[in-house]
Amino acid sequence: MADEDFQGNTTFTSLKLHYNTINIKLVKAGGITPSLKIIKKAKANNLKVMIGCMTESTVGISAAAVLVPLVDYVDLDGANLLANDFAKGSCVKKGRILLSNKPGLGISLKK
């Protein structure tokens, strides 16, 4: 799986020589729209896709969670590693992605 080797400007032709899966990190890709484009290109090149994260708040995890139906693998537990996450929204509990039912990305500030 191409993780740090994959950058948004990396050609898929060169990746396919060494990898069969790429890991997209929403923050590094530039957001949801660029990530959608990357997913489409990866699938067109017969690459599997994982949506991953760094240690991010629930804001970043909630944004990435909307892409889960489009990918093959998911690693969105970054907010679980934070002692003081300032938001609530979509989350990972016991290995399951739980999407918020609020409008938009479903994010709100913790009180």
N, C-alpha and C. Protein backbone atom coordinates (compact mmCIF):
# COMPACT_ATOMS: atom_id res chain seq x y z
N MET A 1 0.84 -1.17 0.00
CA MET A 1 0.00 0.00 0.00
C MET A 1 0.89 1.24 0.00
N ALA A 2 0.64 2.13 -0.92
CA ALA A 2 1.38 3.39 -0.97
C ALA A 2 0.77 4.34 0.05
N ASP A 3 1.54 4.66 1.06
CA ASP A 3 1.09 5.58 2.09
C ASP A 3 1.85 6.89 1.92
N GLU A 4 2.97 7.01 2.56
CA GLU A 4 3.76 8.24 2.42
C GLU A 4 4.37 8.36 1.03
N ASP A 5 4.51 7.24 0.31
CA ASP A 5 5.01 7.30 -1.06
C ASP A 5 4.00 7.95 -1.99
N PHE A 6 2.73 7.93 -1.60
CA PHE A 6 1.70 8.52 -2.46
C PHE A 6 1.51 9.98 -2.09
N GLN A 7 1.70 10.82 -3.07
CA GLN A 7 1.40 12.25 -2.94
C GLN A 7 0.40 12.56 -4.04
N GLY A 8 -0.40 13.59 -3.86
CA GLY A 8 -1.45 13.91 -4.82
C GLY A 8 -0.97 14.07 -6.25
N ASN A 9 0.29 14.46 -6.46
CA ASN A 9 0.79 14.66 -7.81
C ASN A 9 1.54 13.45 -8.36
N THR A 10 1.58 12.35 -7.60
CA THR A 10 2.25 11.13 -8.04
C THR A 10 1.46 10.52 -9.20
N THR A 11 2.17 10.03 -10.21
CA THR A 11 1.46 9.41 -11.32
C THR A 11 1.04 7.99 -10.94
N PHE A 12 -0.14 7.63 -11.37
CA PHE A 12 -0.66 6.31 -11.05
C PHE A 12 0.08 5.23 -11.82
N THR A 13 0.63 5.59 -12.97
CA THR A 13 1.40 4.62 -13.75
C THR A 13 2.61 4.15 -12.95
N SER A 14 3.32 5.07 -12.31
CA SER A 14 4.49 4.67 -11.52
C SER A 14 4.08 3.93 -10.24
N LEU A 15 2.95 4.29 -9.65
CA LEU A 15 2.48 3.60 -8.45
C LEU A 15 2.14 2.15 -8.72
N LYS A 16 1.50 1.90 -9.86
CA LYS A 16 1.06 0.54 -10.18
C LYS A 16 2.22 -0.45 -10.32
N LEU A 17 3.41 0.06 -10.55
CA LEU A 17 4.57 -0.81 -10.66
C LEU A 17 4.95 -1.41 -9.31
N HIS A 18 4.57 -0.74 -8.23
CA HIS A 18 5.02 -1.15 -6.90
C HIS A 18 3.88 -1.43 -5.90
N TYR A 19 2.70 -0.91 -6.17
CA TYR A 19 1.60 -0.99 -5.20
C TYR A 19 0.30 -1.40 -5.89
N ASN A 20 -0.61 -1.96 -5.10
CA ASN A 20 -1.96 -2.22 -5.62
C ASN A 20 -3.02 -1.42 -4.86
N THR A 21 -2.58 -0.66 -3.86
CA THR A 21 -3.49 0.13 -3.02
C THR A 21 -2.84 1.45 -2.68
N ILE A 22 -3.64 2.52 -2.61
CA ILE A 22 -3.14 3.81 -2.14
C ILE A 22 -3.90 4.23 -0.89
N ASN A 23 -3.24 5.00 -0.04
CA ASN A 23 -3.86 5.54 1.17
C ASN A 23 -4.01 7.04 0.98
N ILE A 24 -5.25 7.50 0.94
CA ILE A 24 -5.53 8.93 0.80
C ILE A 24 -5.78 9.51 2.18
N LYS A 25 -5.06 10.53 2.52
CA LYS A 25 -5.31 11.27 3.76
C LYS A 25 -5.90 12.61 3.35
N LEU A 26 -7.12 12.85 3.78
CA LEU A 26 -7.88 14.02 3.35
C LEU A 26 -7.10 15.32 3.52
N VAL A 27 -6.44 15.50 4.63
CA VAL A 27 -5.71 16.73 4.90
C VAL A 27 -4.57 16.90 3.90
N LYS A 28 -3.84 15.83 3.65
CA LYS A 28 -2.71 15.91 2.71
C LYS A 28 -3.18 16.06 1.27
N ALA A 29 -4.36 15.51 0.95
CA ALA A 29 -4.89 15.59 -0.42
C ALA A 29 -5.48 16.96 -0.73
N GLY A 30 -5.82 17.72 0.29
CA GLY A 30 -6.39 19.05 0.06
C GLY A 30 -7.88 19.14 0.27
N GLY A 31 -8.49 18.08 0.82
CA GLY A 31 -9.92 18.14 1.12
C GLY A 31 -10.73 17.07 0.41
N ILE A 32 -12.04 17.23 0.49
CA ILE A 32 -12.96 16.23 -0.06
C ILE A 32 -12.92 16.20 -1.58
N THR A 33 -13.00 17.36 -2.23
CA THR A 33 -13.05 17.39 -3.70
C THR A 33 -11.80 16.80 -4.34
N PRO A 34 -10.59 17.22 -3.93
CA PRO A 34 -9.41 16.57 -4.50
C PRO A 34 -9.36 15.06 -4.20
N SER A 35 -9.82 14.67 -3.03
CA SER A 35 -9.83 13.24 -2.68
C SER A 35 -10.77 12.46 -3.59
N LEU A 36 -11.91 13.04 -3.92
CA LEU A 36 -12.84 12.38 -4.85
C LEU A 36 -12.19 12.17 -6.21
N LYS A 37 -11.45 13.16 -6.68
CA LYS A 37 -10.75 13.04 -7.96
C LYS A 37 -9.69 11.94 -7.90
N ILE A 38 -8.97 11.87 -6.79
CA ILE A 38 -7.94 10.84 -6.62
C ILE A 38 -8.57 9.45 -6.60
N ILE A 39 -9.69 9.31 -5.89
CA ILE A 39 -10.39 8.01 -5.83
C ILE A 39 -10.78 7.58 -7.23
N LYS A 40 -11.34 8.50 -8.00
CA LYS A 40 -11.78 8.19 -9.37
C LYS A 40 -10.60 7.74 -10.23
N LYS A 41 -9.48 8.47 -10.15
CA LYS A 41 -8.29 8.10 -10.93
C LYS A 41 -7.72 6.76 -10.48
N ALA A 42 -7.69 6.54 -9.18
CA ALA A 42 -7.16 5.27 -8.67
C ALA A 42 -8.00 4.10 -9.15
N LYS A 43 -9.31 4.23 -9.05
CA LYS A 43 -10.19 3.15 -9.50
C LYS A 43 -10.05 2.91 -11.00
N ALA A 44 -9.87 3.99 -11.78
CA ALA A 44 -9.66 3.85 -13.24
C ALA A 44 -8.36 3.13 -13.54
N ASN A 45 -7.42 3.18 -12.61
CA ASN A 45 -6.13 2.50 -12.76
C ASN A 45 -6.08 1.17 -12.02
N ASN A 46 -7.24 0.67 -11.65
CA ASN A 46 -7.37 -0.63 -10.96
C ASN A 46 -6.59 -0.70 -9.66
N LEU A 47 -6.53 0.40 -8.96
CA LEU A 47 -5.90 0.44 -7.63
C LEU A 47 -6.99 0.43 -6.57
N LYS A 48 -6.74 -0.26 -5.49
CA LYS A 48 -7.65 -0.19 -4.35
C LYS A 48 -7.32 1.08 -3.58
N VAL A 49 -8.28 1.53 -2.77
CA VAL A 49 -8.13 2.80 -2.07
C VAL A 49 -8.47 2.64 -0.60
N MET A 50 -7.63 3.24 0.23
CA MET A 50 -7.92 3.35 1.65
C MET A 50 -8.04 4.83 1.98
N ILE A 51 -9.02 5.18 2.77
CA ILE A 51 -9.11 6.54 3.31
C ILE A 51 -8.53 6.46 4.71
N GLY A 52 -7.49 7.24 4.95
CA GLY A 52 -6.80 7.21 6.22
C GLY A 52 -6.76 8.60 6.84
N CYS A 53 -6.00 8.71 7.91
CA CYS A 53 -5.91 9.99 8.60
C CYS A 53 -4.60 10.05 9.37
N MET A 54 -4.36 11.22 9.88
CA MET A 54 -3.29 11.41 10.84
C MET A 54 -4.00 11.57 12.18
N THR A 55 -3.32 12.06 13.18
CA THR A 55 -4.01 12.33 14.44
C THR A 55 -4.80 13.62 14.23
N GLU A 56 -6.08 13.49 13.98
CA GLU A 56 -6.95 14.61 13.62
C GLU A 56 -8.15 14.66 14.54
N SER A 57 -8.72 15.83 14.64
CA SER A 57 -9.93 15.98 15.44
C SER A 57 -11.11 15.33 14.73
N THR A 58 -12.22 15.32 15.39
CA THR A 58 -13.45 14.79 14.81
C THR A 58 -13.85 15.57 13.56
N VAL A 59 -13.42 16.80 13.43
CA VAL A 59 -13.71 17.58 12.22
C VAL A 59 -13.12 16.88 10.99
N GLY A 60 -11.85 16.54 11.06
CA GLY A 60 -11.20 15.85 9.94
C GLY A 60 -11.74 14.46 9.72
N ILE A 61 -12.02 13.75 10.79
CA ILE A 61 -12.55 12.39 10.67
C ILE A 61 -13.95 12.43 10.06
N SER A 62 -14.77 13.38 10.46
CA SER A 62 -16.14 13.48 9.92
C SER A 62 -16.11 13.79 8.43
N ALA A 63 -15.18 14.64 8.01
CA ALA A 63 -15.06 14.95 6.58
C ALA A 63 -14.64 13.72 5.80
N ALA A 64 -13.66 12.99 6.29
CA ALA A 64 -13.18 11.79 5.60
C ALA A 64 -14.24 10.69 5.61
N ALA A 65 -15.05 10.64 6.64
CA ALA A 65 -16.06 9.57 6.77
C ALA A 65 -17.07 9.59 5.63
N VAL A 66 -17.32 10.74 5.03
CA VAL A 66 -18.29 10.78 3.93
C VAL A 66 -17.79 10.04 2.70
N LEU A 67 -16.48 9.76 2.63
CA LEU A 67 -15.90 9.05 1.49
C LEU A 67 -15.87 7.54 1.68
N VAL A 68 -16.20 7.08 2.87
CA VAL A 68 -16.10 5.66 3.20
C VAL A 68 -16.82 4.74 2.19
N PRO A 69 -18.02 5.07 1.71
CA PRO A 69 -18.67 4.16 0.76
C PRO A 69 -17.93 3.99 -0.57
N LEU A 70 -16.98 4.88 -0.85
CA LEU A 70 -16.28 4.86 -2.14
C LEU A 70 -14.95 4.11 -2.10
N VAL A 71 -14.52 3.68 -0.93
CA VAL A 71 -13.18 3.11 -0.80
C VAL A 71 -13.23 1.65 -0.34
N ASP A 72 -12.07 1.01 -0.39
CA ASP A 72 -11.97 -0.40 -0.04
C ASP A 72 -11.59 -0.64 1.41
N TYR A 73 -10.80 0.28 1.97
CA TYR A 73 -10.31 0.15 3.34
C TYR A 73 -10.43 1.49 4.05
N VAL A 74 -10.54 1.41 5.38
CA VAL A 74 -10.73 2.62 6.17
C VAL A 74 -9.84 2.58 7.42
N ASP A 75 -9.20 3.71 7.70
CA ASP A 75 -8.43 3.88 8.94
C ASP A 75 -8.66 5.29 9.43
N LEU A 76 -9.72 5.48 10.20
CA LEU A 76 -10.12 6.82 10.64
C LEU A 76 -10.22 6.91 12.16
N ASP A 77 -9.22 6.40 12.84
CA ASP A 77 -9.27 6.42 14.30
C ASP A 77 -8.46 7.55 14.92
N GLY A 78 -8.00 8.50 14.13
CA GLY A 78 -7.13 9.57 14.62
C GLY A 78 -7.69 10.36 15.78
N ALA A 79 -8.98 10.65 15.76
CA ALA A 79 -9.59 11.43 16.85
C ALA A 79 -9.62 10.63 18.15
N ASN A 80 -9.62 9.32 18.05
CA ASN A 80 -9.62 8.49 19.27
C ASN A 80 -8.32 8.63 20.06
N LEU A 81 -7.30 9.17 19.42
CA LEU A 81 -6.00 9.33 20.07
C LEU A 81 -5.86 10.68 20.76
N LEU A 82 -6.85 11.55 20.62
CA LEU A 82 -6.79 12.89 21.21
C LEU A 82 -7.41 12.91 22.60
N ALA A 83 -6.71 13.52 23.54
CA ALA A 83 -7.24 13.66 24.89
C ALA A 83 -8.31 14.74 24.96
N ASN A 84 -8.19 15.77 24.13
CA ASN A 84 -9.11 16.91 24.20
C ASN A 84 -9.67 17.27 22.84
N ASP A 85 -10.41 16.38 22.24
CA ASP A 85 -11.07 16.69 20.97
C ASP A 85 -12.14 17.73 21.24
N PHE A 86 -12.17 18.78 20.43
CA PHE A 86 -13.08 19.91 20.68
C PHE A 86 -14.42 19.77 19.97
N ALA A 87 -14.59 18.72 19.18
CA ALA A 87 -15.82 18.59 18.39
C ALA A 87 -16.40 17.20 18.55
N LYS A 88 -17.64 17.07 18.13
CA LYS A 88 -18.28 15.77 18.04
C LYS A 88 -18.96 15.67 16.68
N GLY A 89 -19.07 14.46 16.19
CA GLY A 89 -19.64 14.23 14.86
C GLY A 89 -19.52 12.76 14.53
N SER A 90 -19.13 12.44 13.31
CA SER A 90 -18.90 11.05 12.93
C SER A 90 -17.73 10.52 13.74
N CYS A 91 -17.75 9.22 14.01
CA CYS A 91 -16.68 8.66 14.86
C CYS A 91 -16.50 7.18 14.57
N VAL A 92 -15.46 6.63 15.17
CA VAL A 92 -15.19 5.21 15.09
C VAL A 92 -15.33 4.64 16.49
N LYS A 93 -16.23 3.66 16.64
CA LYS A 93 -16.41 2.99 17.93
C LYS A 93 -16.43 1.49 17.70
N LYS A 94 -15.55 0.81 18.41
CA LYS A 94 -15.44 -0.65 18.31
C LYS A 94 -15.30 -1.10 16.85
N GLY A 95 -14.49 -0.34 16.09
CA GLY A 95 -14.21 -0.71 14.71
C GLY A 95 -15.26 -0.35 13.69
N ARG A 96 -16.31 0.35 14.11
CA ARG A 96 -17.39 0.71 13.18
C ARG A 96 -17.40 2.22 12.97
N ILE A 97 -17.63 2.64 11.74
CA ILE A 97 -17.78 4.06 11.41
C ILE A 97 -19.23 4.44 11.72
N LEU A 98 -19.41 5.37 12.63
CA LEU A 98 -20.75 5.84 12.98
C LEU A 98 -20.89 7.26 12.45
N LEU A 99 -21.72 7.40 11.43
CA LEU A 99 -21.92 8.71 10.82
C LEU A 99 -22.91 9.53 11.64
N SER A 100 -22.63 10.81 11.73
CA SER A 100 -23.54 11.72 12.42
C SER A 100 -24.81 11.86 11.59
N ASN A 101 -25.93 12.06 12.23
CA ASN A 101 -27.19 12.27 11.51
C ASN A 101 -27.54 13.75 11.40
N LYS A 102 -26.61 14.62 11.80
CA LYS A 102 -26.84 16.06 11.68
C LYS A 102 -26.55 16.52 10.25
N PRO A 103 -27.05 17.69 9.86
CA PRO A 103 -26.82 18.18 8.49
C PRO A 103 -25.34 18.40 8.18
N GLY A 104 -25.02 18.41 6.90
CA GLY A 104 -23.64 18.64 6.46
C GLY A 104 -22.75 17.52 6.92
N LEU A 105 -21.59 17.87 7.45
CA LEU A 105 -20.68 16.86 7.96
C LEU A 105 -21.08 16.39 9.35
N GLY A 106 -22.10 17.00 9.95
CA GLY A 106 -22.60 16.56 11.24
C GLY A 106 -21.74 16.93 12.42
N ILE A 107 -20.99 18.01 12.28
CA ILE A 107 -20.05 18.40 13.32
C ILE A 107 -20.68 19.46 14.23
N SER A 108 -20.41 19.34 15.51
CA SER A 108 -20.76 20.39 16.45
C SER A 108 -19.67 20.48 17.50
N LEU A 109 -19.58 21.62 18.15
CA LEU A 109 -18.57 21.80 19.21
C LEU A 109 -19.04 21.13 20.48
N LYS A 110 -18.10 20.53 21.18
CA LYS A 110 -18.43 19.95 22.49
C LYS A 110 -18.64 21.09 23.47
N LYS A 111 -19.50 20.87 24.41
CA LYS A 111 -19.77 21.89 25.44
C LYS A 111 -19.03 21.57 26.69
